Amino acid sequence: MAKLYFYYSAMNAGKTTTLLQSAYNYHERGMRTLILTPALDNRFGEGVVASRIGLKANARRFSRDEDLFALVEADIAARGALNCVFVDEAQFLGKAQVWQISDVVDRLNIPVLAYGLRTDFRGELFEGSRHLLAWADNLEEIKTICHTGRKATMVVRVDEHGRAVTDGPQVEIGGNDRYVSVSRAEFKKISAGDGRIELQQTVLPLGERE
């Protein structure tokens, strides 16, 4: 039986990389998939899902008020049977849309794999994540680490000086270098104004040559 999966993590844990690898595994076996991505996220171009390490794939963009069950049904009618549906940046789903992708599972018997952040820079649940945590059949955490070496479970938004930003809109597309994944203890410390975070390099260093 198909299931609804929610893969959640803090920022930069490799959610999109994992999504793209899973979609590739389906395609290797001759199975058709559909990747959905929020229309508000156009960092990599229209209808493209891309990871930080260079993997990318075409995706179907959807708006905040779009019916995702109807979207999947229309895709099947136009292109044939689907073996799996993937949802990138699933934290941006509305409550109704989470229910709709659960209908894809329950009524069409198609597995849905949703990937997203659990909490925002204030430590509060996103709407989509809250309902995925409540309704998904399987919850899987994709782990990453804080600069302290602890497990990172939260995200802070920082200014150009590495100081925590504690107000502003929940959604701010782009500027990923302003978001840092940290442990709960570090989140409390930085959010209270105690210290700053050095923004980390995004490219793996070359090994030493002999």
C-alpha atoms as a PDB file:
ATOM      1  CA  MET A   1       0.000   0.000   0.000  1.00  0.00           C
ATOM      2  CA  ALA A   2       1.168   3.507  -0.807  1.00  0.00           C
ATOM      3  CA  LYS A   3       2.162   5.840   2.022  1.00  0.00           C
ATOM      4  CA  LEU A   4       2.710   9.537   2.681  1.00  0.00           C
ATOM      5  CA  TYR A   5       6.287  10.183   3.814  1.00  0.00           C
ATOM      6  CA  PHE A   6       7.614  13.379   5.372  1.00  0.00           C
ATOM      7  CA  TYR A   7      11.381  13.852   5.361  1.00  0.00           C
ATOM      8  CA  TYR A   8      12.233  16.853   7.519  1.00  0.00           C
ATOM      9  CA  SER A   9      15.368  18.567   8.729  1.00  0.00           C
ATOM     10  CA  ALA A  10      17.053  21.860   9.457  1.00  0.00           C
ATOM     11  CA  MET A  11      18.580  23.913   6.606  1.00  0.00           C
ATOM     12  CA  ASN A  12      21.278  22.482   4.347  1.00  0.00           C
ATOM     13  CA  ALA A  13      20.879  18.878   5.443  1.00  0.00           C
ATOM     14  CA  GLY A  14      20.604  17.594   1.873  1.00  0.00           C
ATOM     15  CA  LYS A  15      16.815  17.296   1.559  1.00  0.00           C
ATOM     16  CA  THR A  16      16.710  18.175  -2.145  1.00  0.00           C
ATOM     17  CA  THR A  17      19.735  15.999  -2.880  1.00  0.00           C
ATOM     18  CA  THR A  18      17.928  13.078  -1.261  1.00  0.00           C
ATOM     19  CA  LEU A  19      14.749  13.841  -3.209  1.00  0.00           C
ATOM     20  CA  LEU A  20      16.603  13.949  -6.533  1.00  0.00           C
ATOM     21  CA  GLN A  21      18.485  10.731  -5.773  1.00  0.00           C
ATOM     22  CA  SER A  22      15.215   8.969  -4.944  1.00  0.00           C
ATOM     23  CA  ALA A  23      13.577  10.248  -8.141  1.00  0.00           C
ATOM     24  CA  TYR A  24      16.598   9.071 -10.143  1.00  0.00           C
ATOM     25  CA  ASN A  25      16.268   5.603  -8.596  1.00  0.00           C
ATOM     26  CA  TYR A  26      12.692   5.387  -9.886  1.00  0.00           C
ATOM     27  CA  HIS A  27      13.728   6.502 -13.371  1.00  0.00           C
ATOM     28  CA  GLU A  28      16.522   3.925 -13.474  1.00  0.00           C
ATOM     29  CA  ARG A  29      13.836   1.280 -13.141  1.00  0.00           C
ATOM     30  CA  GLY A  30      11.683   2.744 -15.899  1.00  0.00           C
ATOM     31  CA  MET A  31       9.124   4.219 -13.488  1.00  0.00           C
ATOM     32  CA  ARG A  32       7.532   7.636 -13.957  1.00  0.00           C
ATOM     33  CA  THR A  33       7.574  10.287 -11.263  1.00  0.00           C
ATOM     34  CA  LEU A  34       6.266  13.804 -10.756  1.00  0.00           C
ATOM     35  CA  ILE A  35       8.234  16.407  -8.799  1.00  0.00           C
ATOM     36  CA  LEU A  36       6.229  19.312  -7.366  1.00  0.00           C
ATOM     37  CA  THR A  37       7.780  22.564  -6.170  1.00  0.00           C
ATOM     38  CA  PRO A  38       6.178  25.774  -4.800  1.00  0.00           C
ATOM     39  CA  ALA A  39       5.866  28.592  -7.338  1.00  0.00           C
ATOM     40  CA  LEU A  40       7.324  31.056  -4.829  1.00  0.00           C
ATOM     41  CA  ASP A  41      10.681  29.227  -4.935  1.00  0.00           C
ATOM     42  CA  ASN A  42      12.301  30.226  -8.229  1.00  0.00           C
ATOM     43  CA  ARG A  43      15.915  30.410  -7.094  1.00  0.00           C
ATOM     44  CA  PHE A  44      17.055  27.998  -9.808  1.00  0.00           C
ATOM     45  CA  GLY A  45      14.690  29.069 -12.592  1.00  0.00           C
ATOM     46  CA  GLU A  46      11.087  28.359 -13.420  1.00  0.00           C
ATOM     47  CA  GLY A  47      10.121  24.752 -12.773  1.00  0.00           C
ATOM     48  CA  VAL A  48      13.542  23.523 -11.676  1.00  0.00           C
ATOM     49  CA  VAL A  49      14.489  21.731  -8.462  1.00  0.00           C
ATOM     50  CA  ALA A  50      18.211  21.904  -7.703  1.00  0.00           C
ATOM     51  CA  SER A  51      20.476  20.860  -4.853  1.00  0.00           C
ATOM     52  CA  ARG A  52      23.467  22.737  -3.480  1.00  0.00           C
ATOM     53  CA  ILE A  53      25.835  20.129  -4.936  1.00  0.00           C
ATOM     54  CA  GLY A  54      24.644  20.609  -8.515  1.00  0.00           C
ATOM     55  CA  LEU A  55      21.950  17.970  -9.033  1.00  0.00           C
ATOM     56  CA  LYS A  56      18.771  19.237 -10.677  1.00  0.00           C
ATOM     57  CA  ALA A  57      15.577  18.114 -12.398  1.00  0.00           C
ATOM     58  CA  ASN A  58      12.495  19.576 -14.007  1.00  0.00           C
ATOM     59  CA  ALA A  59       9.499  20.030 -11.727  1.00  0.00           C
ATOM     60  CA  ARG A  60       5.869  21.126 -11.868  1.00  0.00           C
ATOM     61  CA  ARG A  61       5.366  24.425 -10.068  1.00  0.00           C
ATOM     62  CA  PHE A  62       2.227  24.910  -7.984  1.00  0.00           C
ATOM     63  CA  SER A  63       0.618  27.936  -6.401  1.00  0.00           C
ATOM     64  CA  ARG A  64      -0.514  28.311  -2.825  1.00  0.00           C
ATOM     65  CA  ASP A  65      -4.196  27.816  -3.697  1.00  0.00           C
ATOM     66  CA  GLU A  66      -3.775  25.070  -6.317  1.00  0.00           C
ATOM     67  CA  ASP A  67      -5.517  21.720  -5.801  1.00  0.00           C
ATOM     68  CA  LEU A  68      -2.668  19.179  -5.788  1.00  0.00           C
ATOM     69  CA  PHE A  69      -4.940  16.153  -6.068  1.00  0.00           C
ATOM     70  CA  ALA A  70      -6.490  17.617  -9.227  1.00  0.00           C
ATOM     71  CA  LEU A  71      -3.011  18.489 -10.495  1.00  0.00           C
ATOM     72  CA  VAL A  72      -1.828  14.886 -10.110  1.00  0.00           C
ATOM     73  CA  GLU A  73      -4.979  13.518 -11.731  1.00  0.00           C
ATOM     74  CA  ALA A  74      -4.488  15.863 -14.702  1.00  0.00           C
ATOM     75  CA  ASP A  75      -0.862  14.795 -15.063  1.00  0.00           C
ATOM     76  CA  ILE A  76      -1.881  11.127 -15.139  1.00  0.00           C
ATOM     77  CA  ALA A  77      -4.573  11.846 -17.736  1.00  0.00           C
ATOM     78  CA  ALA A  78      -2.074  13.668 -19.944  1.00  0.00           C
ATOM     79  CA  ARG A  79       1.040  11.525 -19.494  1.00  0.00           C
ATOM     80  CA  GLY A  80       0.053   8.150 -18.094  1.00  0.00           C
ATOM     81  CA  ALA A  81       0.447   6.261 -14.847  1.00  0.00           C
ATOM     82  CA  LEU A  82       2.605   7.644 -12.039  1.00  0.00           C
ATOM     83  CA  ASN A  83       4.722   5.554  -9.714  1.00  0.00           C
ATOM     84  CA  CYS A  84       5.646   8.259  -7.193  1.00  0.00           C
ATOM     85  CA  VAL A  85       5.057  11.935  -6.421  1.00  0.00           C
ATOM     86  CA  PHE A  86       7.771  14.073  -4.801  1.00  0.00           C
ATOM     87  CA  VAL A  87       7.182  17.426  -3.091  1.00  0.00           C
ATOM     88  CA  ASP A  88      10.125  19.777  -2.546  1.00  0.00           C
ATOM     89  CA  GLU A  89      10.019  22.585   0.069  1.00  0.00           C
ATOM     90  CA  ALA A  90       6.929  20.955   1.562  1.00  0.00           C
ATOM     91  CA  GLN A  91       6.910  23.375   4.494  1.00  0.00           C
ATOM     92  CA  PHE A  92       5.229  25.870   2.130  1.00  0.00           C
ATOM     93  CA  LEU A  93       2.166  23.668   1.573  1.00  0.00           C
ATOM     94  CA  GLY A  94      -1.138  24.893   2.930  1.00  0.00           C
ATOM     95  CA  LYS A  95      -3.227  22.713   5.223  1.00  0.00           C
ATOM     96  CA  ALA A  96      -5.636  21.852   2.390  1.00  0.00           C
ATOM     97  CA  GLN A  97      -2.738  20.876   0.126  1.00  0.00           C
ATOM     98  CA  VAL A  98      -1.350  18.449   2.696  1.00  0.00           C
ATOM     99  CA  TRP A  99      -4.790  16.835   2.807  1.00  0.00           C
ATOM    100  CA  GLN A 100      -4.828  16.720  -1.003  1.00  0.00           C
ATOM    101  CA  ILE A 101      -1.502  14.887  -1.265  1.00  0.00           C
ATOM    102  CA  SER A 102      -2.776  12.442   1.350  1.00  0.00           C
ATOM    103  CA  ASP A 103      -5.671  11.818  -1.050  1.00  0.00           C
ATOM    104  CA  VAL A 104      -3.130  11.023  -3.780  1.00  0.00           C
ATOM    105  CA  VAL A 105      -1.921   8.251  -1.487  1.00  0.00           C
ATOM    106  CA  ASP A 106      -5.308   7.047  -0.237  1.00  0.00           C
ATOM    107  CA  ARG A 107      -7.428   7.358  -3.385  1.00  0.00           C
ATOM    108  CA  LEU A 108      -4.875   6.828  -6.174  1.00  0.00           C
ATOM    109  CA  ASN A 109      -2.549   4.484  -4.276  1.00  0.00           C
ATOM    110  CA  ILE A 110       0.529   6.502  -5.303  1.00  0.00           C
ATOM    111  CA  PRO A 111       3.284   7.059  -2.724  1.00  0.00           C
ATOM    112  CA  VAL A 112       4.060  10.706  -1.951  1.00  0.00           C
ATOM    113  CA  LEU A 113       7.461  11.724  -0.573  1.00  0.00           C
ATOM    114  CA  ALA A 114       7.480  15.247   0.874  1.00  0.00           C
ATOM    115  CA  TYR A 115      10.689  17.007   1.913  1.00  0.00           C
ATOM    116  CA  GLY A 116      10.860  20.174   3.966  1.00  0.00           C
ATOM    117  CA  LEU A 117      11.932  22.174   6.980  1.00  0.00           C
ATOM    118  CA  ARG A 118      10.220  21.521  10.278  1.00  0.00           C
ATOM    119  CA  THR A 119      10.579  24.960  11.896  1.00  0.00           C
ATOM    120  CA  ASP A 120      11.291  28.532  10.820  1.00  0.00           C
ATOM    121  CA  PHE A 121      13.925  30.989  12.104  1.00  0.00           C
ATOM    122  CA  ARG A 122      11.744  31.738  15.135  1.00  0.00           C
ATOM    123  CA  GLY A 123      11.545  28.086  16.129  1.00  0.00           C
ATOM    124  CA  GLU A 124       7.898  27.809  15.064  1.00  0.00           C
ATOM    125  CA  LEU A 125       6.377  25.123  12.839  1.00  0.00           C
ATOM    126  CA  PHE A 126       5.588  25.956   9.237  1.00  0.00           C
ATOM    127  CA  GLU A 127       1.949  25.305   8.293  1.00  0.00           C
ATOM    128  CA  GLY A 128       2.786  22.536   5.845  1.00  0.00           C
ATOM    129  CA  SER A 129       5.187  20.851   8.233  1.00  0.00           C
ATOM    130  CA  ARG A 130       2.701  20.973  11.108  1.00  0.00           C
ATOM    131  CA  HIS A 131       0.101  19.045   9.143  1.00  0.00           C
ATOM    132  CA  LEU A 132       2.587  16.651   7.585  1.00  0.00           C
ATOM    133  CA  LEU A 133       3.811  15.791  11.080  1.00  0.00           C
ATOM    134  CA  ALA A 134       0.199  15.139  12.042  1.00  0.00           C
ATOM    135  CA  TRP A 135      -0.937  13.188   8.976  1.00  0.00           C
ATOM    136  CA  ALA A 136       2.051  11.481   7.327  1.00  0.00           C
ATOM    137  CA  ASP A 137       2.345   7.696   7.592  1.00  0.00           C
ATOM    138  CA  ASN A 138       6.118   7.821   7.971  1.00  0.00           C
ATOM    139  CA  LEU A 139       8.268  10.565   9.499  1.00  0.00           C
ATOM    140  CA  GLU A 140      11.979  10.542   8.718  1.00  0.00           C
ATOM    141  CA  GLU A 141      14.546  13.043   9.981  1.00  0.00           C
ATOM    142  CA  ILE A 142      17.454  13.955   7.706  1.00  0.00           C
ATOM    143  CA  LYS A 143      20.199  14.843  10.124  1.00  0.00           C
ATOM    144  CA  THR A 144      22.803  17.576   9.975  1.00  0.00           C
ATOM    145  CA  ILE A 145      25.156  19.148  12.516  1.00  0.00           C
ATOM    146  CA  CYS A 146      25.586  22.470  14.265  1.00  0.00           C
ATOM    147  CA  HIS A 147      28.939  24.302  14.166  1.00  0.00           C
ATOM    148  CA  THR A 148      29.267  23.264  17.827  1.00  0.00           C
ATOM    149  CA  GLY A 149      29.338  19.615  16.762  1.00  0.00           C
ATOM    150  CA  ARG A 150      25.895  18.878  18.208  1.00  0.00           C
ATOM    151  CA  LYS A 151      22.943  17.682  16.176  1.00  0.00           C
ATOM    152  CA  ALA A 152      21.271  20.641  14.436  1.00  0.00           C
ATOM    153  CA  THR A 153      17.488  20.750  14.784  1.00  0.00           C
ATOM    154  CA  MET A 154      16.730  24.466  14.361  1.00  0.00           C
ATOM    155  CA  VAL A 155      17.456  27.358  12.013  1.00  0.00           C
ATOM    156  CA  VAL A 156      18.549  30.927  12.749  1.00  0.00           C
ATOM    157  CA  ARG A 157      18.374  33.830  10.322  1.00  0.00           C
ATOM    158  CA  VAL A 158      21.405  36.086  10.661  1.00  0.00           C
ATOM    159  CA  ASP A 159      22.399  39.512   9.409  1.00  0.00           C
ATOM    160  CA  GLU A 160      25.624  40.397   7.612  1.00  0.00           C
ATOM    161  CA  HIS A 161      27.448  40.412  10.964  1.00  0.00           C
ATOM    162  CA  GLY A 162      26.315  36.933  11.968  1.00  0.00           C
ATOM    163  CA  ARG A 163      23.851  38.237  14.567  1.00  0.00           C
ATOM    164  CA  ALA A 164      20.436  36.603  14.900  1.00  0.00           C
ATOM    165  CA  VAL A 165      17.427  38.245  13.222  1.00  0.00           C
ATOM    166  CA  THR A 166      14.361  37.557  15.343  1.00  0.00           C
ATOM    167  CA  ASP A 167      11.595  39.314  13.402  1.00  0.00           C
ATOM    168  CA  GLY A 168      10.440  39.689   9.818  1.00  0.00           C
ATOM    169  CA  PRO A 169       8.401  37.563   7.395  1.00  0.00           C
ATOM    170  CA  GLN A 170       8.416  33.803   7.893  1.00  0.00           C
ATOM    171  CA  VAL A 171       9.141  33.159   4.210  1.00  0.00           C
ATOM    172  CA  GLU A 172      12.159  34.760   2.585  1.00  0.00           C
ATOM    173  CA  ILE A 173      13.246  33.026  -0.616  1.00  0.00           C
ATOM    174  CA  GLY A 174      16.906  33.245  -1.567  1.00  0.00           C
ATOM    175  CA  GLY A 175      19.747  34.426   0.598  1.00  0.00           C
ATOM    176  CA  ASN A 176      20.388  30.949   1.923  1.00  0.00           C
ATOM    177  CA  ASP A 177      23.688  32.185   3.333  1.00  0.00           C
ATOM    178  CA  ARG A 178      21.604  34.077   5.911  1.00  0.00           C
ATOM    179  CA  TYR A 179      20.248  30.853   7.394  1.00  0.00           C
ATOM    180  CA  VAL A 180      22.310  28.598   9.630  1.00  0.00           C
ATOM    181  CA  SER A 181      21.348  25.246  11.129  1.00  0.00           C
ATOM    182  CA  VAL A 182      22.083  25.018  14.844  1.00  0.00           C
ATOM    183  CA  SER A 183      21.326  22.913  17.911  1.00  0.00           C
ATOM    184  CA  ARG A 184      18.508  23.955  20.241  1.00  0.00           C
ATOM    185  CA  ALA A 185      21.011  25.170  22.841  1.00  0.00           C
ATOM    186  CA  GLU A 186      22.834  27.310  20.266  1.00  0.00           C
ATOM    187  CA  PHE A 187      19.519  28.621  18.932  1.00  0.00           C
ATOM    188  CA  LYS A 188      18.640  29.888  22.432  1.00  0.00           C
ATOM    189  CA  LYS A 189      22.058  31.470  22.839  1.00  0.00           C
ATOM    190  CA  ILE A 190      22.216  33.217  19.451  1.00  0.00           C
ATOM    191  CA  SER A 191      18.561  34.329  19.530  1.00  0.00           C
ATOM    192  CA  ALA A 192      19.194  35.954  22.911  1.00  0.00           C
ATOM    193  CA  GLY A 193      21.968  38.037  21.334  1.00  0.00           C
ATOM    194  CA  ASP A 194      24.780  36.119  23.011  1.00  0.00           C
ATOM    195  CA  GLY A 195      27.446  35.775  20.331  1.00  0.00           C
ATOM    196  CA  ARG A 196      27.443  35.570  16.566  1.00  0.00           C
ATOM    197  CA  ILE A 197      27.787  32.924  13.881  1.00  0.00           C
ATOM    198  CA  GLU A 198      30.567  32.837  11.331  1.00  0.00           C
ATOM    199  CA  LEU A 199      29.018  31.951   7.981  1.00  0.00           C
ATOM    200  CA  GLN A 200      30.474  28.702   6.729  1.00  0.00           C
ATOM    201  CA  GLN A 201      32.200  27.935   3.432  1.00  0.00           C
ATOM    202  CA  THR A 202      30.031  26.164   0.875  1.00  0.00           C
ATOM    203  CA  VAL A 203      32.742  24.382  -1.092  1.00  0.00           C
ATOM    204  CA  LEU A 204      34.602  21.318   0.109  1.00  0.00           C
ATOM    205  CA  PRO A 205      38.300  22.093   0.625  1.00  0.00           C
ATOM    206  CA  LEU A 206      40.869  20.373  -1.570  1.00  0.00           C
ATOM    207  CA  GLY A 207      42.955  17.711   0.109  1.00  0.00           C
ATOM    208  CA  GLU A 208      46.550  18.502   0.924  1.00  0.00           C
ATOM    209  CA  ARG A 209      49.079  17.592  -1.739  1.00  0.00           C
ATOM    210  CA  GLU A 210      52.264  15.817  -0.904  1.00  0.00           C
END
